[in-house]
C-alpha atoms as a PDB file:
ATOM      1  CA  MET A   1      34.748  42.775  -3.336  1.00  0.00           C
ATOM      2  CA  SER A   2      38.335  43.763  -3.398  1.00  0.00           C
ATOM      3  CA  LYS A   3      41.100  41.778  -5.085  1.00  0.00           C
ATOM      4  CA  LYS A   4      42.593  41.071  -1.671  1.00  0.00           C
ATOM      5  CA  ASP A   5      39.357  39.383  -0.498  1.00  0.00           C
ATOM      6  CA  LEU A   6      39.231  37.192  -3.636  1.00  0.00           C
ATOM      7  CA  ASN A   7      42.846  36.126  -3.098  1.00  0.00           C
ATOM      8  CA  THR A   8      42.072  35.224   0.519  1.00  0.00           C
ATOM      9  CA  ILE A   9      39.089  33.147  -0.584  1.00  0.00           C
ATOM     10  CA  ALA A  10      41.204  31.368  -3.219  1.00  0.00           C
ATOM     11  CA  GLU A  11      43.903  30.593  -0.653  1.00  0.00           C
ATOM     12  CA  LEU A  12      41.299  29.176   1.760  1.00  0.00           C
ATOM     13  CA  GLU A  13      39.806  27.020  -0.993  1.00  0.00           C
ATOM     14  CA  ARG A  14      43.261  25.655  -1.914  1.00  0.00           C
ATOM     15  CA  ALA A  15      44.020  24.877   1.739  1.00  0.00           C
ATOM     16  CA  ILE A  16      40.658  23.131   2.210  1.00  0.00           C
ATOM     17  CA  ALA A  17      41.113  21.162  -1.044  1.00  0.00           C
ATOM     18  CA  GLN A  18      44.595  20.111   0.017  1.00  0.00           C
ATOM     19  CA  LYS A  19      43.461  18.981   3.458  1.00  0.00           C
ATOM     20  CA  TYR A  20      40.023  17.459   2.665  1.00  0.00           C
ATOM     21  CA  GLY A  21      40.152  16.771  -1.085  1.00  0.00           C
ATOM     22  CA  LYS A  22      38.770  18.513  -4.158  1.00  0.00           C
ATOM     23  CA  GLN A  23      35.181  17.433  -3.426  1.00  0.00           C
ATOM     24  CA  ALA A  24      35.148  19.662  -0.338  1.00  0.00           C
ATOM     25  CA  VAL A  25      35.363  22.819  -2.432  1.00  0.00           C
ATOM     26  CA  GLN A  26      33.305  21.694  -5.432  1.00  0.00           C
ATOM     27  CA  HIS A  27      29.923  23.221  -6.123  1.00  0.00           C
ATOM     28  CA  PRO A  28      27.192  20.678  -5.158  1.00  0.00           C
ATOM     29  CA  ARG A  29      25.560  20.897  -8.596  1.00  0.00           C
ATOM     30  CA  SER A  30      28.754  19.914 -10.413  1.00  0.00           C
ATOM     31  CA  SER A  31      28.121  16.190  -9.808  1.00  0.00           C
ATOM     32  CA  TRP A  32      24.276  16.338  -9.847  1.00  0.00           C
ATOM     33  CA  ASP A  33      22.407  14.655 -12.714  1.00  0.00           C
ATOM     34  CA  ASP A  34      18.875  13.520 -13.608  1.00  0.00           C
ATOM     35  CA  GLU A  35      19.397  10.085 -12.031  1.00  0.00           C
ATOM     36  CA  LYS A  36      20.399  11.607  -8.698  1.00  0.00           C
ATOM     37  CA  GLU A  37      17.426  13.972  -8.913  1.00  0.00           C
ATOM     38  CA  LYS A  38      14.985  11.034  -9.354  1.00  0.00           C
ATOM     39  CA  GLU A  39      16.575   9.152  -6.463  1.00  0.00           C
ATOM     40  CA  TYR A  40      16.352  12.235  -4.246  1.00  0.00           C
ATOM     41  CA  LEU A  41      12.661  12.772  -5.088  1.00  0.00           C
ATOM     42  CA  GLU A  42      11.892   9.112  -4.271  1.00  0.00           C
ATOM     43  CA  GLN A  43      13.622   9.491  -0.920  1.00  0.00           C
ATOM     44  CA  LEU A  44      11.565  12.602  -0.209  1.00  0.00           C
ATOM     45  CA  LYS A  45       8.343  10.697  -1.009  1.00  0.00           C
ATOM     46  CA  THR A  46       9.152   7.791   1.306  1.00  0.00           C
ATOM     47  CA  LEU A  47      10.181  10.195   4.066  1.00  0.00           C
ATOM     48  CA  ALA A  48       6.898  12.108   3.723  1.00  0.00           C
ATOM     49  CA  GLU A  49       4.908   8.847   3.853  1.00  0.00           C
ATOM     50  CA  LYS A  50       6.712   7.764   7.028  1.00  0.00           C
ATOM     51  CA  GLU A  51       6.079  11.128   8.662  1.00  0.00           C
ATOM     52  CA  ASN A  52       2.378  10.974   7.751  1.00  0.00           C
ATOM     53  CA  LYS A  53       2.084   7.514   9.313  1.00  0.00           C
ATOM     54  CA  LYS A  54       3.738   8.779  12.494  1.00  0.00           C
ATOM     55  CA  LYS A  55       1.360  11.746  12.637  1.00  0.00           C
ATOM     56  CA  GLU A  56      -1.655   9.457  12.257  1.00  0.00           C
ATOM     57  CA  LYS A  57      -0.470   7.312  15.160  1.00  0.00           C
ATOM     58  CA  VAL A  58      -0.201  10.222  17.568  1.00  0.00           C
ATOM     59  CA  GLU A  59      -3.074  12.322  16.239  1.00  0.00           C
ATOM     60  CA  LYS A  60      -5.695  13.062  18.891  1.00  0.00           C
ATOM     61  CA  VAL A  61      -9.418  13.507  18.326  1.00  0.00           C
ATOM     62  CA  ALA A  62     -11.886  15.178  20.692  1.00  0.00           C
ATOM     63  CA  LYS A  63     -14.531  12.651  21.763  1.00  0.00           C
ATOM     64  CA  ASP A  64     -17.030  13.333  24.549  1.00  0.00           C
ATOM     65  CA  GLY A  65     -14.828  16.055  26.041  1.00  0.00           C
ATOM     66  CA  PHE A  66     -11.633  13.947  25.989  1.00  0.00           C
ATOM     67  CA  LEU A  67      -8.704  13.741  23.602  1.00  0.00           C
ATOM     68  CA  ILE A  68      -8.389  10.179  22.334  1.00  0.00           C
ATOM     69  CA  SER A  69      -5.777   8.713  20.025  1.00  0.00           C
ATOM     70  CA  LYS A  70      -7.225   8.401  16.531  1.00  0.00           C
ATOM     71  CA  LYS A  71      -5.889   4.867  16.131  1.00  0.00           C
ATOM     72  CA  LEU A  72      -7.968   3.725  19.112  1.00  0.00           C
ATOM     73  CA  LEU A  73     -11.161   4.926  17.453  1.00  0.00           C
ATOM     74  CA  ASN A  74     -10.475   2.820  14.375  1.00  0.00           C
ATOM     75  CA  LYS A  75      -9.840  -0.281  16.431  1.00  0.00           C
ATOM     76  CA  GLU A  76     -12.701  -2.733  16.389  1.00  0.00           C
ATOM     77  CA  SER A  77     -13.292  -4.691  19.530  1.00  0.00           C
ATOM     78  CA  ASN A  78     -14.259  -8.303  19.090  1.00  0.00           C
ATOM     79  CA  ARG A  79     -16.549  -8.934  22.041  1.00  0.00           C
ATOM     80  CA  LYS A  80     -18.663 -11.639  20.412  1.00  0.00           C
ATOM     81  CA  CYS A  81     -17.568 -15.219  21.076  1.00  0.00           C
ATOM     82  CA  PRO A  82     -16.999 -17.042  17.766  1.00  0.00           C
ATOM     83  CA  VAL A  83     -18.115 -20.341  19.337  1.00  0.00           C
ATOM     84  CA  CYS A  84     -21.374 -19.526  21.130  1.00  0.00           C
ATOM     85  CA  GLU A  85     -21.926 -16.115  19.487  1.00  0.00           C
ATOM     86  CA  ILE A  86     -22.796 -14.452  22.797  1.00  0.00           C
ATOM     87  CA  TYR A  87     -21.751 -10.825  23.233  1.00  0.00           C
ATOM     88  CA  SER A  88     -19.719 -10.360  26.411  1.00  0.00           C
ATOM     89  CA  PHE A  89     -18.752  -7.377  28.559  1.00  0.00           C
ATOM     90  CA  ASP A  90     -16.868  -9.562  31.051  1.00  0.00           C
ATOM     91  CA  ILE A  91     -13.207  -8.557  31.473  1.00  0.00           C
ATOM     92  CA  LYS A  92     -12.001 -12.111  32.083  1.00  0.00           C
ATOM     93  CA  ASP A  93     -13.195 -13.032  28.580  1.00  0.00           C
ATOM     94  CA  ASN A  94     -10.418 -10.848  27.106  1.00  0.00           C
ATOM     95  CA  MET A  95      -7.680 -13.342  27.977  1.00  0.00           C
ATOM     96  CA  TYR A  96      -9.627 -16.338  26.693  1.00  0.00           C
ATOM     97  CA  MET A  97     -10.576 -14.499  23.490  1.00  0.00           C
ATOM     98  CA  ALA A  98      -6.918 -13.683  22.853  1.00  0.00           C
ATOM     99  CA  LYS A  99      -5.530 -17.121  23.655  1.00  0.00           C
ATOM    100  CA  PHE A 100      -8.301 -19.551  22.653  1.00  0.00           C
ATOM    101  CA  SER A 101     -10.693 -17.444  20.512  1.00  0.00           C
ATOM    102  CA  CYS A 102     -13.619 -18.144  22.817  1.00  0.00           C
ATOM    103  CA  CYS A 103     -15.276 -16.689  25.910  1.00  0.00           C
ATOM    104  CA  TYR A 104     -14.638 -17.865  29.456  1.00  0.00           C
ATOM    105  CA  GLN A 105     -17.798 -20.004  29.535  1.00  0.00           C
ATOM    106  CA  CYS A 106     -16.867 -21.796  26.301  1.00  0.00           C
ATOM    107  CA  TYR A 107     -13.359 -22.298  27.647  1.00  0.00           C
ATOM    108  CA  MET A 108     -14.720 -23.928  30.802  1.00  0.00           C
ATOM    109  CA  GLU A 109     -17.173 -26.073  28.839  1.00  0.00           C
ATOM    110  CA  PHE A 110     -15.172 -27.121  25.783  1.00  0.00           C
ATOM    111  CA  VAL A 111     -11.464 -26.280  26.140  1.00  0.00           C
ATOM    112  CA  GLU A 112     -10.354 -26.838  29.733  1.00  0.00           C
ATOM    113  CA  GLU A 113      -8.183 -29.972  29.992  1.00  0.00           C
ATOM    114  CA  ARG A 114      -8.608 -30.477  26.205  1.00  0.00           C
ATOM    115  CA  GLU A 115      -6.363 -27.650  25.073  1.00  0.00           C
ATOM    116  CA  GLU A 116      -4.307 -29.746  22.644  1.00  0.00           C
ATOM    117  CA  ARG A 117      -7.456 -30.866  20.828  1.00  0.00           C
ATOM    118  CA  TRP A 118      -8.664 -27.249  20.691  1.00  0.00           C
ATOM    119  CA  LYS A 119      -5.329 -26.058  19.279  1.00  0.00           C
ATOM    120  CA  THR A 120      -5.509 -28.660  16.505  1.00  0.00           C
ATOM    121  CA  GLY A 121      -8.771 -27.085  15.326  1.00  0.00           C
ATOM    122  CA  TRP A 122     -11.563 -29.036  17.011  1.00  0.00           C
ATOM    123  CA  ARG A 123     -14.697 -26.990  17.757  1.00  0.00           C
ATOM    124  CA  PRO A 124     -18.022 -28.067  19.243  1.00  0.00           C
ATOM    125  CA  ASN A 125     -20.864 -28.692  16.829  1.00  0.00           C
ATOM    126  CA  LYS A 126     -24.047 -26.625  16.860  1.00  0.00           C
ATOM    127  CA  ASP A 127     -25.941 -29.260  18.912  1.00  0.00           C
ATOM    128  CA  GLU A 128     -23.414 -29.111  21.755  1.00  0.00           C
ATOM    129  CA  ILE A 129     -23.520 -25.324  21.767  1.00  0.00           C
ATOM    130  CA  GLU A 130     -27.333 -25.282  21.735  1.00  0.00           C
ATOM    131  CA  LYS A 131     -27.440 -27.823  24.603  1.00  0.00           C
ATOM    132  CA  ARG A 132     -25.128 -25.557  26.632  1.00  0.00           C
ATOM    133  CA  ARG A 133     -27.321 -22.522  25.903  1.00  0.00           C
ATOM    134  CA  LEU A 134     -30.463 -24.325  27.022  1.00  0.00           C
ATOM    135  CA  SER A 135     -28.862 -25.568  30.235  1.00  0.00           C
ATOM    136  CA  LYS A 136     -27.585 -22.046  30.947  1.00  0.00           C
ATOM    137  CA  ASN A 137     -31.055 -20.512  30.508  1.00  0.00           C
ATOM    138  CA  ASN A 138     -32.750 -23.068  32.828  1.00  0.00           C
END
């Protein structure tokens, strides 16, 4: 590099320092220390963890000729009524399972018009459930 180029660079640095402050022309390592290095590495770790979580959410897996979101495969479906313990494929049970933690039949038998009692924690005893099962089978 010629002396003229070095003078031009020095003039530019002075002008930048005058307009934006001395930090604008400082070398980045001049204010870097071990504490900043540790903080930076921690930030990198948390960023990598967040990115991995995002990737897991959108990751697709081939299943029976289709691409399915991996998070859907890990999801367990609760199709068994906690009250009567009957496994249900009925779609209308989904709403009652979500809202009242029971199937549609148990809702009709034990919850309907007694919703406040149900919400306070009342559940039918085993005899009532067994009686309902027997009447359903006959």
